[in-house]
Structures are given as structure tokens and as C-alpha cells.
Amino acid sequence: MKLKASLLLIVCTFISMNCFSQDDSIYFPQEEIIIDECADALDKNDCLSLKIENEVLDVLEGLLKKRNQEIDTLKTRITFELINLNQINVERIHTYINDKKLNKKFSKELNQRIAELHVLRVDNKKPIKNRPKYSLNYDYLTNDNLLKKIPLDSSSIFKGGVIEEVPLFPNQTRVNDLTDRKTFNILMQLHIGSNFVYPKEALEKKISGRVSIMFTIDKEGNVGDIKTKGPAPILENEARRIISLLPKFQIGSQNGVPKKVPYSIPINFKL
């Protein structure tokens, strides 16, 4: 009988921030994208944010015309990066809306619009190792297909590119964002594989299935807030045990500020 645990996906998002003592020159002034329409604007970040918001609204209004939308809150998120030629990296555009029925069409159309933005120049450009991400959020209250913008708090106002550094395993060397994430995922798979034990009772009762595990890596690098959801408590307990054995990590940060990072890891228990 072949037993296997498989790691399917790792997803992380940043939550909170605090003060951190590093060389701020790495992060500030923040990188700024100057598009054609904003060349003469006094606040070029605000101009870019308004341009992208207009694209978001145009896409949303087109989608909402095709369905009856009850009173609800729509939350949108747009993230993208540049390549070295001052062009938007089409492979690193991620758009999201908290409506499953709208998300696929919303992302497809908005991704195309973001990709078509013409970058005139980049101010305060960062080196390849520290490529920033551009993240924008727009929230709306919908009522009878009308959209009313919900003001963002000051911490969510777009101020330019942000350098994110994900948590790393203790002996992992920081290279760049994409490499760091790939290496982290590989090391996580190795950790799960080397510590995995199929519960005896689950074997006897032929219990299998996928367990979703949620946990956080805090600002000190400690693992906590472990939560599980699966087909049986005995599989959830094994998944929780494996995650509890993770080491203390090198901390994640955003523009040098320590971040509490949540992770979601589905593990398949297969007989």
C-alpha cells in the first residue's frame, strides 16, 4: 500500500507592520512608475492610482450590467511588477475581486488593461535583487449596480513600489523574491515529507483526503495560529503536528518593516 502526503500550494499575504531598523536607503524613496498620462501630474503616484481605478470601474460597471447585484461590498486588489526594460511584467500581474462569479472575467479583462499601460519612465529605480511590487486596493459598496467608493485608511494609500521580503528557513539565503518563494516551497515540502506519519487509525479505517492548514509566521519568525480543516480530526491532528515542528524562521518584511505572514497549505493524505 502506497502512502503519500503531497503539498499542493503555498499562498501568503502580508497583514501588519511595525518599526524596523535597517538601512532605509534600500527602500526609500520608493520606486515610482510614470505613465504617459501622468507625466505632468504633481502627484504621480496619485495619478497612477486614479488611472488604474478608472480601469477597475470600467470593468466592474460592464460586468455588473449583466447581472442583478444586491447590496454588497466589493473588494478589489491589483498587484504587478516591472521587468528591467521599464515594462510591466505580464506574467506577474495579479488581480482579484471578492466575488467568485465575477473574479474570472474581472481578472482576465483587467490584467489585459494593466499590461497595456505605457511606462514612460521609472523614478528611484531599484536593483534587480530588490524588485518592488505595486499593489493597489479599491473597495466599493454596490447597490442596484451602482458603485460607491469606500475610502481607504491611510496605511493603504498607494505610495509607489514596495519591496517585500518573504520569511525564509533558518539556513536559506535571500536571493530575490521569486527564487526565495520557490526555495521556501521546496524546503516546506521536504519538511512535510520528512515528518509525515500516516495515522494508524486512519490506515485501519481507510481515511484519506485533503487537509487545509492555515498558520502564521509572526514578526519574530515564530509559527502560530495553526488552524486545520479536513475530512477527519485524526488527519487534521497529524497536519497540525507537522506544522508545529517547523523551525523559527527568518522574518518577512515590507520596505524593511517586519510582517506577520499568513500561509495556507493544502496537504493530501493518500492511501
Protein backbone atom coordinates (compact mmCIF):
# COMPACT_ATOMS: atom_id res chain seq x y z
CA MET A 1 0.00 0.00 0.00
CA LYS A 2 1.48 3.32 -1.06
CA LEU A 3 1.16 6.18 1.39
CA LYS A 4 1.78 9.75 0.36
CA ALA A 5 1.35 13.29 1.56
CA SER A 6 1.52 15.92 -1.14
CA LEU A 7 1.98 19.67 -0.76
CA LEU A 8 -0.24 21.37 -3.32
CA LEU A 9 0.10 25.10 -2.85
CA ILE A 10 1.52 27.81 -0.64
CA VAL A 11 -0.12 31.21 -0.61
CA CYS A 12 0.98 34.14 1.52
CA THR A 13 -0.26 37.64 2.13
CA PHE A 14 1.02 40.36 4.41
CA ILE A 15 -1.05 41.64 7.33
CA SER A 16 0.58 44.12 9.70
CA MET A 17 3.71 46.19 10.23
CA ASN A 18 5.89 47.68 12.93
CA CYS A 19 9.14 49.68 13.19
CA PHE A 20 12.32 48.02 11.96
CA SER A 21 15.91 49.23 11.99
CA GLN A 22 17.52 48.62 8.60
CA ASP A 23 19.21 50.80 6.02
CA ASP A 24 16.20 52.74 4.74
CA SER A 25 18.08 53.72 1.58
CA ILE A 26 17.30 50.25 0.21
CA TYR A 27 13.60 51.01 0.37
CA PHE A 28 13.23 54.79 0.24
CA PRO A 29 12.48 56.84 -1.70
CA GLN A 30 10.06 54.29 -3.11
CA GLU A 31 10.22 53.38 -6.78
CA GLU A 32 7.65 55.24 -8.90
CA ILE A 33 6.16 54.35 -12.27
CA ILE A 34 5.47 57.33 -14.54
CA ILE A 35 2.92 56.54 -17.25
CA ASP A 36 2.23 58.83 -20.22
CA GLU A 37 -0.98 60.26 -18.76
CA CYS A 38 0.81 61.24 -15.52
CA ALA A 39 3.95 62.84 -16.92
CA ASP A 40 2.89 66.34 -15.86
CA ALA A 41 0.99 65.42 -12.69
CA LEU A 42 2.17 66.91 -9.39
CA ASP A 43 1.49 63.65 -7.52
CA LYS A 44 2.41 60.90 -9.95
CA ASN A 45 1.50 58.06 -7.58
CA ASP A 46 -1.97 59.50 -7.08
CA CYS A 47 -2.33 59.96 -10.83
CA LEU A 48 -1.37 56.32 -11.49
CA SER A 49 -3.76 55.15 -8.79
CA LEU A 50 -6.63 57.14 -10.33
CA LYS A 51 -5.82 55.81 -13.81
CA ILE A 52 -5.94 52.22 -12.62
CA GLU A 53 -9.08 52.87 -10.58
CA ASN A 54 -10.80 54.17 -13.72
CA GLU A 55 -9.91 50.90 -15.44
CA VAL A 56 -11.26 48.94 -12.46
CA LEU A 57 -14.53 50.89 -12.50
CA ASP A 58 -14.94 50.48 -16.25
CA VAL A 59 -14.51 46.71 -16.00
CA LEU A 60 -16.80 46.42 -12.97
CA GLU A 61 -19.57 48.52 -14.46
CA GLY A 62 -19.52 46.38 -17.60
CA LEU A 63 -19.78 43.17 -15.57
CA LEU A 64 -22.49 44.45 -13.23
CA LYS A 65 -24.75 45.38 -16.13
CA LYS A 66 -25.02 41.69 -16.94
CA ARG A 67 -26.31 40.62 -13.53
CA ASN A 68 -28.52 41.76 -10.69
CA GLN A 69 -26.26 42.85 -7.85
CA GLU A 70 -27.74 43.12 -4.37
CA ILE A 71 -26.27 45.41 -1.72
CA ASP A 72 -22.76 44.13 -1.12
CA THR A 73 -19.15 45.19 -0.64
CA LEU A 74 -16.74 44.51 -3.48
CA LYS A 75 -13.05 44.41 -2.58
CA THR A 76 -10.52 44.55 -5.39
CA ARG A 77 -6.76 44.09 -5.36
CA ILE A 78 -4.22 44.69 -8.12
CA THR A 79 -0.56 43.70 -7.91
CA PHE A 80 2.08 43.92 -10.63
CA GLU A 81 5.83 44.25 -11.19
CA LEU A 82 8.19 45.61 -13.82
CA ILE A 83 10.84 43.92 -15.88
CA ASN A 84 14.20 45.58 -16.49
CA LEU A 85 13.11 47.36 -19.67
CA ASN A 86 10.65 49.54 -17.74
CA GLN A 87 7.80 47.38 -18.97
CA ILE A 88 5.08 45.75 -16.89
CA ASN A 89 5.77 42.05 -16.45
CA VAL A 90 2.63 40.40 -17.86
CA GLU A 91 3.44 37.18 -16.01
CA ARG A 92 3.42 38.98 -12.66
CA ILE A 93 0.08 40.78 -12.91
CA HIS A 94 -2.40 39.55 -10.32
CA THR A 95 -5.90 40.97 -9.98
CA TYR A 96 -8.63 39.83 -7.62
CA ILE A 97 -12.18 40.62 -6.56
CA ASN A 98 -14.01 39.03 -3.64
CA ASP A 99 -16.85 37.76 -5.81
CA LYS A 100 -16.38 34.26 -7.22
CA LYS A 101 -18.88 34.85 -10.02
CA LEU A 102 -17.07 37.98 -11.19
CA ASN A 103 -13.46 37.12 -10.43
CA LYS A 104 -12.53 35.17 -13.58
CA LYS A 105 -13.86 37.72 -16.07
CA PHE A 106 -12.71 40.63 -13.91
CA SER A 107 -9.14 39.33 -13.75
CA LYS A 108 -8.93 38.46 -17.44
CA GLU A 109 -10.06 41.89 -18.63
CA LEU A 110 -8.26 43.97 -16.02
CA ASN A 111 -4.99 42.05 -16.43
CA GLN A 112 -5.03 42.98 -20.12
CA ARG A 113 -5.62 46.64 -19.32
CA ILE A 114 -2.78 46.73 -16.79
CA ALA A 115 -0.45 45.09 -19.31
CA GLU A 116 -1.26 47.82 -21.84
CA LEU A 117 -0.21 50.70 -19.57
CA HIS A 118 2.71 52.50 -21.21
CA VAL A 119 5.52 53.25 -18.77
CA LEU A 120 7.27 56.48 -19.75
CA ARG A 121 9.99 56.19 -17.13
CA VAL A 122 10.75 54.82 -13.66
CA ASP A 123 11.98 57.10 -10.89
CA ASN A 124 14.04 55.85 -7.93
CA LYS A 125 14.53 52.53 -9.73
CA LYS A 126 15.64 49.65 -7.52
CA PRO A 127 18.15 46.91 -8.49
CA ILE A 128 17.04 43.51 -9.79
CA LYS A 129 17.56 41.88 -6.39
CA ASN A 130 15.08 44.28 -4.79
CA ARG A 131 12.37 44.46 -7.44
CA PRO A 132 9.34 46.17 -5.84
CA LYS A 133 5.71 45.19 -6.18
CA TYR A 134 2.99 47.69 -7.00
CA SER A 135 -0.15 46.95 -5.01
CA LEU A 136 -3.41 48.89 -5.15
CA ASN A 137 -6.73 48.26 -3.42
CA TYR A 138 -10.15 49.68 -4.24
CA ASP A 139 -13.30 48.86 -2.25
CA TYR A 140 -16.85 49.68 -3.30
CA LEU A 141 -20.33 49.42 -1.88
CA THR A 142 -22.76 48.21 -4.54
CA ASN A 143 -26.48 48.91 -4.59
CA ASP A 144 -28.66 48.36 -7.67
CA ASN A 145 -25.48 48.04 -9.74
CA LEU A 146 -24.26 51.48 -8.60
CA LEU A 147 -20.75 51.69 -7.15
CA LYS A 148 -19.85 53.89 -4.19
CA LYS A 149 -16.19 54.03 -3.26
CA ILE A 150 -15.24 53.14 0.31
CA PRO A 151 -12.35 55.39 1.48
CA LEU A 152 -9.15 53.53 2.36
CA ASP A 153 -7.28 54.07 5.60
CA SER A 154 -4.01 55.99 5.38
CA SER A 155 -1.87 52.83 5.50
CA SER A 156 -3.49 51.57 2.28
CA ILE A 157 -2.91 54.71 0.19
CA PHE A 158 -0.70 53.97 -2.82
CA LYS A 159 2.78 55.46 -2.40
CA GLY A 160 4.79 53.58 -5.03
CA GLY A 161 6.59 50.27 -5.32
CA VAL A 162 7.05 48.20 -2.17
CA ILE A 163 9.93 45.78 -1.58
CA GLU A 164 8.65 42.58 0.00
CA GLU A 165 10.92 40.04 1.65
CA VAL A 166 9.22 36.75 2.49
CA PRO A 167 10.11 34.65 5.55
CA LEU A 168 12.95 32.20 4.98
CA PHE A 169 14.02 28.94 6.59
CA PRO A 170 16.93 29.35 9.08
CA ASN A 171 19.73 28.41 6.65
CA GLN A 172 18.08 29.76 3.50
CA THR A 173 19.97 32.54 1.69
CA ARG A 174 17.98 35.51 0.40
CA VAL A 175 18.40 35.87 -3.39
CA ASN A 176 15.35 37.56 -4.93
CA ASP A 177 11.61 37.36 -4.35
CA LEU A 178 10.79 34.68 -6.94
CA THR A 179 13.74 32.46 -6.02
CA ASP A 180 13.10 32.93 -2.30
CA ARG A 181 9.49 31.79 -2.64
CA LYS A 182 10.39 28.77 -4.78
CA THR A 183 13.13 27.69 -2.38
CA PHE A 184 10.82 28.20 0.61
CA ASN A 185 8.20 25.96 -1.03
CA ILE A 186 10.76 23.24 -1.74
CA LEU A 187 12.03 23.32 1.86
CA MET A 188 8.44 23.24 3.14
CA GLN A 189 7.74 20.14 1.05
CA LEU A 190 10.89 18.50 2.40
CA HIS A 191 9.84 19.32 5.96
CA ILE A 192 6.38 17.82 5.47
CA GLY A 193 7.72 14.74 3.71
CA SER A 194 10.37 14.01 6.34
CA ASN A 195 7.97 14.43 9.28
CA PHE A 196 4.86 12.84 7.79
CA VAL A 197 3.40 9.78 9.52
CA TYR A 198 0.10 8.34 8.30
CA PRO A 199 -2.00 7.82 11.45
CA LYS A 200 -2.51 4.12 12.24
CA GLU A 201 -6.21 4.56 12.96
CA ALA A 202 -6.68 6.36 9.63
CA LEU A 203 -5.00 3.44 7.87
CA GLU A 204 -7.22 0.90 9.58
CA LYS A 205 -10.37 2.86 8.77
CA LYS A 206 -9.10 3.81 5.30
CA ILE A 207 -9.50 7.53 5.97
CA SER A 208 -7.96 9.80 3.34
CA GLY A 209 -8.47 13.25 1.85
CA ARG A 210 -7.14 16.78 1.80
CA VAL A 211 -6.42 18.84 4.90
CA SER A 212 -6.17 22.62 4.56
CA ILE A 213 -3.72 24.11 7.05
CA MET A 214 -3.58 27.79 7.94
CA PHE A 215 -0.82 29.27 10.10
CA THR A 216 1.16 32.46 10.56
CA ILE A 217 4.82 33.36 10.84
CA ASP A 218 4.95 36.31 13.22
CA LYS A 219 7.28 39.32 13.35
CA GLU A 220 9.82 37.31 15.35
CA GLY A 221 9.75 34.33 12.96
CA ASN A 222 7.65 32.06 15.18
CA VAL A 223 4.93 29.77 13.82
CA GLY A 224 1.49 30.20 15.41
CA ASP A 225 -2.27 30.42 14.89
CA ILE A 226 -2.34 26.90 13.42
CA LYS A 227 -5.79 26.00 12.10
CA THR A 228 -6.87 22.98 10.09
CA LYS A 229 -9.88 21.83 8.10
CA GLY A 230 -10.15 18.33 6.71
CA PRO A 231 -12.24 15.16 6.34
CA ALA A 232 -11.40 13.78 9.80
CA PRO A 233 -9.90 15.07 13.09
CA ILE A 234 -7.21 12.38 13.02
CA LEU A 235 -5.81 13.74 9.74
CA GLU A 236 -6.12 17.32 11.00
CA ASN A 237 -4.13 16.41 14.12
CA GLU A 238 -1.32 14.94 12.02
CA ALA A 239 -1.20 18.03 9.81
CA ARG A 240 -1.12 20.25 12.90
CA ARG A 241 1.70 18.18 14.41
CA ILE A 242 3.82 18.54 11.27
CA ILE A 243 3.43 22.32 11.15
CA SER A 244 4.17 22.64 14.88
CA LEU A 245 7.61 21.11 14.17
CA LEU A 246 8.62 23.95 11.84
CA PRO A 247 11.70 25.90 12.97
CA LYS A 248 11.92 29.59 13.83
CA PHE A 249 12.09 31.45 10.51
CA GLN A 250 13.98 34.46 9.27
CA ILE A 251 11.32 37.19 9.41
CA GLY A 252 9.38 38.57 6.47
CA SER A 253 9.22 42.32 5.87
CA GLN A 254 7.74 45.02 3.66
CA ASN A 255 10.00 48.00 2.97
CA GLY A 256 12.11 46.85 5.92
CA VAL A 257 9.16 46.62 8.32
CA PRO A 258 8.60 43.17 9.94
CA LYS A 259 5.43 41.47 8.74
CA LYS A 260 3.12 38.85 10.19
CA VAL A 261 2.62 36.46 7.29
CA PRO A 262 -0.29 34.00 6.97
CA TYR A 263 0.13 30.81 4.95
CA SER A 264 -2.34 28.30 3.57
CA ILE A 265 -1.07 24.82 2.74
CA PRO A 266 -3.33 22.01 1.49
CA ILE A 267 -1.90 18.53 2.18
CA ASN A 268 -3.29 15.41 0.52
CA PHE A 269 -3.42 12.22 2.59
CA LYS A 270 -3.47 9.38 0.04
CA LEU A 271 -3.71 5.65 0.71
